[in-house]
N, C-alpha and C. Protein backbone atom coordinates (compact mmCIF):
# COMPACT_ATOMS: atom_id res chain seq x y z
N UNK A 1 132.20 166.90 176.44
CA UNK A 1 133.18 165.59 176.72
C UNK A 1 133.26 164.99 177.87
N UNK A 2 132.90 165.70 178.88
CA UNK A 2 133.16 164.82 180.13
C UNK A 2 131.68 163.97 180.22
N UNK A 3 130.69 165.09 180.00
CA UNK A 3 129.35 164.85 180.59
C UNK A 3 129.16 163.38 179.51
N UNK A 4 129.73 163.22 178.29
CA UNK A 4 129.50 162.13 176.98
C UNK A 4 130.31 161.25 177.69
N UNK A 5 131.68 160.99 178.19
CA UNK A 5 132.29 159.89 178.46
C UNK A 5 131.17 159.16 179.82
N UNK A 6 130.67 159.89 180.30
CA UNK A 6 130.34 159.57 181.88
C UNK A 6 129.05 158.91 181.89
N UNK A 7 128.46 159.52 180.73
CA UNK A 7 126.67 158.88 180.06
C UNK A 7 127.15 157.57 179.46
N UNK A 8 128.42 157.24 178.55
CA UNK A 8 128.75 155.74 177.69
C UNK A 8 128.77 155.40 178.72
N UNK A 9 129.34 155.73 180.27
CA UNK A 9 130.05 154.40 181.30
C UNK A 9 129.21 153.85 182.20
N UNK A 10 128.25 154.72 182.39
CA UNK A 10 126.47 154.41 182.98
C UNK A 10 126.08 153.52 181.73
N UNK A 11 126.31 153.72 180.82
CA UNK A 11 125.07 153.24 179.67
C UNK A 11 126.09 151.39 179.71
N UNK A 12 127.33 151.53 179.87
CA UNK A 12 127.72 150.38 179.86
C UNK A 12 127.27 149.26 181.08
N UNK A 13 127.57 150.12 181.87
CA UNK A 13 126.82 149.49 183.80
C UNK A 13 125.74 148.77 183.68
N UNK A 14 125.27 149.40 182.91
CA UNK A 14 123.55 148.89 183.21
C UNK A 14 123.23 148.00 181.77
N UNK A 15 124.02 148.17 180.60
CA UNK A 15 123.89 146.65 180.10
C UNK A 15 124.31 145.76 180.66
N UNK A 16 124.90 145.61 181.84
CA UNK A 16 126.24 144.24 182.51
C UNK A 16 124.72 143.58 182.36
N UNK A 17 125.54 142.05 182.02
CA UNK A 17 124.53 141.07 181.97
C UNK A 17 124.30 140.35 182.96
N UNK A 18 123.33 139.30 183.53
CA UNK A 18 122.68 138.74 185.08
C UNK A 18 124.61 138.14 185.15
N UNK A 19 123.94 138.22 186.29
CA UNK A 19 125.37 136.99 187.18
C UNK A 19 124.69 135.81 186.95
N UNK A 20 125.59 135.08 186.51
CA UNK A 20 125.33 133.73 186.16
C UNK A 20 125.77 133.02 186.73
N UNK A 21 125.56 133.19 188.54
CA UNK A 21 125.26 132.19 189.33
C UNK A 21 123.40 132.07 190.14
N UNK A 22 122.79 132.49 189.53
CA UNK A 22 121.41 132.72 189.31
C UNK A 22 120.57 131.64 188.75
N UNK A 23 119.36 131.08 189.16
CA UNK A 23 118.72 130.57 188.87
C UNK A 23 117.19 130.67 188.76
N UNK A 24 116.43 130.40 187.61
CA UNK A 24 114.58 130.46 188.13
C UNK A 24 114.00 129.65 187.63
N UNK A 25 113.01 128.94 188.23
CA UNK A 25 111.96 128.09 187.73
C UNK A 25 110.23 128.96 188.79
N UNK A 26 109.79 128.03 187.67
CA UNK A 26 108.19 127.69 188.77
C UNK A 26 107.60 126.79 188.36
N UNK A 27 107.62 126.32 189.19
CA UNK A 27 106.58 124.76 189.66
C UNK A 27 105.34 124.28 188.74
N UNK A 28 104.57 123.35 188.34
CA UNK A 28 103.07 123.82 187.96
C UNK A 28 101.90 123.32 189.43
N UNK A 29 102.67 122.83 189.77
CA UNK A 29 101.80 121.69 191.51
C UNK A 29 103.05 122.90 192.82
N UNK A 30 102.58 124.01 192.51
CA UNK A 30 103.34 124.97 193.57
C UNK A 30 103.76 123.50 194.98
N UNK A 31 104.33 124.43 195.71
CA UNK A 31 104.75 123.41 197.06
C UNK A 31 106.34 124.38 197.12
N UNK A 32 106.50 123.69 199.20
CA UNK A 32 107.31 124.49 199.12
C UNK A 32 108.47 123.09 199.67
N UNK A 33 109.96 123.46 199.46
CA UNK A 33 110.74 122.44 199.29
C UNK A 33 111.87 122.89 198.82
N UNK A 34 112.93 123.41 199.61
CA UNK A 34 114.46 123.03 199.95
C UNK A 34 115.29 121.75 199.28
N UNK A 35 116.37 122.31 198.21
CA UNK A 35 117.24 120.80 197.87
C UNK A 35 118.34 121.51 197.10
N UNK A 36 119.61 121.28 197.50
CA UNK A 36 120.66 121.00 196.40
C UNK A 36 120.75 120.08 195.37
N UNK A 37 121.00 120.60 194.55
CA UNK A 37 121.10 119.92 193.06
C UNK A 37 122.16 120.50 192.29
N UNK A 38 122.92 119.77 192.12
CA UNK A 38 124.22 119.68 190.94
C UNK A 38 124.75 120.79 191.70
N UNK A 39 124.88 121.33 192.62
CA UNK A 39 125.70 122.45 193.17
C UNK A 39 124.88 123.74 193.34
N UNK A 40 123.41 123.60 193.21
CA UNK A 40 123.04 124.71 193.14
C UNK A 40 121.50 124.57 194.59
N UNK A 41 122.08 125.57 195.15
CA UNK A 41 120.90 125.48 195.95
C UNK A 41 119.12 126.30 196.07
N UNK A 42 118.30 124.62 195.44
CA UNK A 42 117.21 125.89 195.41
C UNK A 42 116.13 126.43 196.98
N UNK A 43 115.37 126.84 196.38
CA UNK A 43 114.40 127.27 197.87
C UNK A 43 113.19 127.65 196.95
N UNK A 44 111.64 126.87 196.98
CA UNK A 44 110.89 126.98 196.25
C UNK A 44 109.70 127.48 197.72
N UNK A 45 108.77 128.31 197.18
CA UNK A 45 107.50 129.05 198.02
C UNK A 45 106.71 128.43 197.45
N UNK A 46 105.82 128.87 198.42
CA UNK A 46 104.18 127.87 198.34
C UNK A 46 103.36 128.17 197.62
N UNK A 47 103.89 129.70 196.22
CA UNK A 47 102.83 129.73 195.18
C UNK A 47 103.96 129.22 193.90
N UNK A 48 104.99 127.99 193.73
CA UNK A 48 105.81 127.30 193.56
C UNK A 48 107.02 128.50 192.34
N UNK A 49 107.12 129.66 193.18
CA UNK A 49 108.32 130.25 192.34
C UNK A 49 109.64 129.52 193.03
N UNK A 50 110.43 129.22 192.46
CA UNK A 50 111.95 128.88 192.98
C UNK A 50 112.97 129.22 192.45
N UNK A 51 113.77 129.79 193.33
CA UNK A 51 115.18 130.86 193.40
C UNK A 51 116.09 129.86 193.57
N UNK A 52 116.96 129.18 192.45
CA UNK A 52 118.08 128.89 192.98
C UNK A 52 119.52 129.65 192.83
N UNK A 53 119.94 129.45 194.39
CA UNK A 53 121.53 130.32 194.27
C UNK A 53 122.69 129.32 194.40
N UNK A 54 123.45 129.83 194.03
CA UNK A 54 125.44 129.13 193.41
C UNK A 54 125.52 129.23 192.39
N UNK A 55 126.99 128.72 192.14
CA UNK A 55 127.68 128.22 190.76
C UNK A 55 126.74 126.68 190.09
N UNK A 56 126.30 126.01 190.73
CA UNK A 56 125.90 124.65 189.85
C UNK A 56 127.13 124.69 189.30
N UNK A 57 126.62 123.14 188.81
CA UNK A 57 127.86 122.38 187.94
C UNK A 57 127.46 123.39 186.29
N UNK A 58 128.76 123.34 185.89
CA UNK A 58 128.61 123.50 183.88
C UNK A 58 127.37 122.38 182.99
N UNK A 59 126.91 122.78 183.28
CA UNK A 59 125.93 122.26 182.13
C UNK A 59 124.90 122.36 181.44
N UNK A 60 124.17 122.67 179.81
CA UNK A 60 123.49 123.01 178.46
C UNK A 60 122.28 123.17 180.02
N UNK A 61 121.30 124.41 179.41
CA UNK A 61 120.65 125.42 180.41
C UNK A 61 118.93 123.70 179.90
N UNK A 62 118.88 123.40 179.49
CA UNK A 62 118.10 122.03 179.04
C UNK A 62 118.30 120.52 179.28
N UNK A 63 119.85 120.18 180.30
CA UNK A 63 120.34 118.99 181.00
C UNK A 63 119.71 119.75 182.23
N UNK A 64 120.17 120.89 182.95
CA UNK A 64 119.97 121.09 183.35
C UNK A 64 118.31 121.53 184.47
N UNK A 65 117.54 122.05 183.09
CA UNK A 65 116.06 121.73 183.19
C UNK A 65 115.43 120.64 183.46
N UNK A 66 115.73 119.90 182.35
CA UNK A 66 115.02 118.04 182.75
C UNK A 66 115.80 117.54 184.17
N UNK A 67 116.80 118.08 184.45
CA UNK A 67 117.37 117.17 185.87
C UNK A 67 116.39 117.34 187.35
N UNK A 68 116.17 119.11 187.35
CA UNK A 68 115.57 119.39 188.27
C UNK A 68 113.78 119.09 187.78
N UNK A 69 113.42 118.90 186.93
CA UNK A 69 111.93 118.52 186.67
C UNK A 69 112.15 116.77 186.90
N UNK A 70 112.99 116.50 187.19
CA UNK A 70 113.10 114.55 187.53
C UNK A 70 113.14 115.14 188.97
N UNK A 71 113.41 115.40 189.97
CA UNK A 71 113.76 115.75 191.42
C UNK A 71 112.55 116.96 191.54
N UNK A 72 112.14 117.70 190.78
CA UNK A 72 111.14 118.88 191.51
C UNK A 72 109.48 118.85 190.96
N UNK A 73 109.40 117.96 189.91
CA UNK A 73 108.02 118.01 189.49
C UNK A 73 108.40 119.08 187.99
N UNK A 74 107.08 119.00 186.87
CA UNK A 74 107.22 119.59 185.57
C UNK A 74 106.80 121.62 186.71
N UNK A 75 107.27 122.01 185.37
CA UNK A 75 107.66 123.66 185.66
C UNK A 75 106.77 124.47 184.59
N UNK A 76 106.66 125.83 184.45
CA UNK A 76 105.53 126.13 183.75
C UNK A 76 107.30 127.43 183.26
N UNK A 77 108.43 127.84 183.80
CA UNK A 77 109.12 128.34 183.71
C UNK A 77 110.36 128.06 184.10
N UNK A 78 111.57 128.50 183.16
CA UNK A 78 112.99 127.49 183.78
C UNK A 78 113.93 128.67 183.00
N UNK A 79 115.10 129.28 183.43
CA UNK A 79 115.66 130.34 183.53
C UNK A 79 116.80 130.11 183.96
N UNK A 80 118.22 130.95 183.39
CA UNK A 80 119.37 130.69 184.53
C UNK A 80 120.14 131.94 183.87
N UNK A 81 120.91 132.55 184.44
CA UNK A 81 121.63 133.81 184.09
C UNK A 81 121.38 134.48 182.46
N UNK A 82 119.91 134.92 182.79
CA UNK A 82 119.30 135.54 182.00
C UNK A 82 119.36 134.79 180.50
N UNK A 83 118.96 134.08 180.87
CA UNK A 83 118.58 132.76 179.50
C UNK A 83 117.47 132.29 180.20
N UNK A 84 116.47 132.34 178.95
CA UNK A 84 115.20 131.44 179.38
C UNK A 84 114.71 130.64 178.25
N UNK A 85 113.69 129.47 178.61
CA UNK A 85 113.27 128.19 177.80
C UNK A 85 112.13 128.43 177.66
N UNK A 86 111.90 128.81 176.26
CA UNK A 86 110.81 129.10 175.01
C UNK A 86 110.28 128.22 175.40
N UNK A 87 108.60 127.87 175.45
CA UNK A 87 107.38 127.24 175.39
C UNK A 87 107.73 125.87 174.92
N UNK A 88 107.85 125.72 173.78
CA UNK A 88 108.52 124.13 172.81
C UNK A 88 109.50 123.98 173.90
N UNK A 89 110.92 123.92 174.62
CA UNK A 89 111.95 123.96 175.08
C UNK A 89 111.40 123.22 176.59
N UNK A 90 110.03 124.21 177.14
CA UNK A 90 109.86 123.89 178.54
C UNK A 90 108.59 122.74 178.57
N UNK A 91 107.96 122.40 176.79
CA UNK A 91 107.48 121.05 176.68
C UNK A 91 108.19 119.87 176.91
N UNK A 92 109.77 120.11 175.97
CA UNK A 92 110.37 119.08 176.04
C UNK A 92 110.84 118.36 177.39
N UNK A 93 111.15 120.20 178.28
CA UNK A 93 111.80 119.50 179.09
C UNK A 93 110.62 118.24 180.20
N UNK A 94 109.70 119.23 180.56
CA UNK A 94 108.42 118.45 181.21
C UNK A 94 108.63 117.59 180.98
N UNK A 95 108.54 116.43 178.77
CA UNK A 95 107.81 115.55 178.25
C UNK A 95 109.18 114.59 178.75
N UNK A 96 110.22 115.21 179.30
CA UNK A 96 111.32 114.17 179.41
C UNK A 96 111.24 113.36 180.67
N UNK A 97 110.45 113.81 181.27
CA UNK A 97 110.17 113.51 183.01
C UNK A 97 109.41 112.36 182.49
N UNK A 98 108.72 112.38 181.82
CA UNK A 98 107.24 111.30 181.90
C UNK A 98 107.39 110.57 180.77
N UNK A 99 109.20 110.66 180.16
CA UNK A 99 109.45 109.38 179.81
C UNK A 99 110.31 108.77 179.84
N UNK A 100 110.55 108.91 181.23
CA UNK A 100 111.44 108.32 182.31
C UNK A 100 111.26 106.98 182.40
N UNK A 101 112.11 106.31 182.85
CA UNK A 101 111.86 104.32 183.81
C UNK A 101 111.59 105.04 185.14
N UNK A 102 111.68 104.53 185.58
CA UNK A 102 111.27 104.20 187.26
C UNK A 102 112.99 104.00 187.09
N UNK A 103 113.56 104.54 188.39
CA UNK A 103 115.07 103.96 189.05
C UNK A 103 115.18 102.83 189.04
N UNK A 104 114.35 102.02 190.63
CA UNK A 104 114.30 101.05 190.74
C UNK A 104 113.85 99.69 190.30
N UNK A 105 113.33 99.92 188.93
CA UNK A 105 112.49 99.35 187.99
C UNK A 105 113.40 98.36 187.86
N UNK A 106 112.65 97.00 187.54
CA UNK A 106 113.46 95.78 187.55
C UNK A 106 113.38 95.47 186.18
N UNK A 107 113.32 93.56 185.23
CA UNK A 107 112.60 93.45 184.13
C UNK A 107 111.33 92.83 184.38
N UNK A 108 111.06 93.41 183.33
CA UNK A 108 109.34 92.63 183.13
C UNK A 108 109.32 91.62 183.16
């Protein structure tokens, strides 16, 4: 009985969800960059793999992706706390950057 209890406890520990403070992204145009965005410290390596550390602000995953793409460029993957955007969602996230008007654009 003790063995079954220990095995059940071990199973619960290994099935624990990923920490909520981390995020990851892959840039379509790789570059090395470090940036603090919405309370999360992003660090991207030369291969375009980006790791976001820190709690960040509470916001939907798609909004965080759009804000990331707006500052860092298009992505091929975006995830946070064990949740990853699908290919269709990645396409919408990247398209949001293309639809933005320049910040300093005046009337035409």
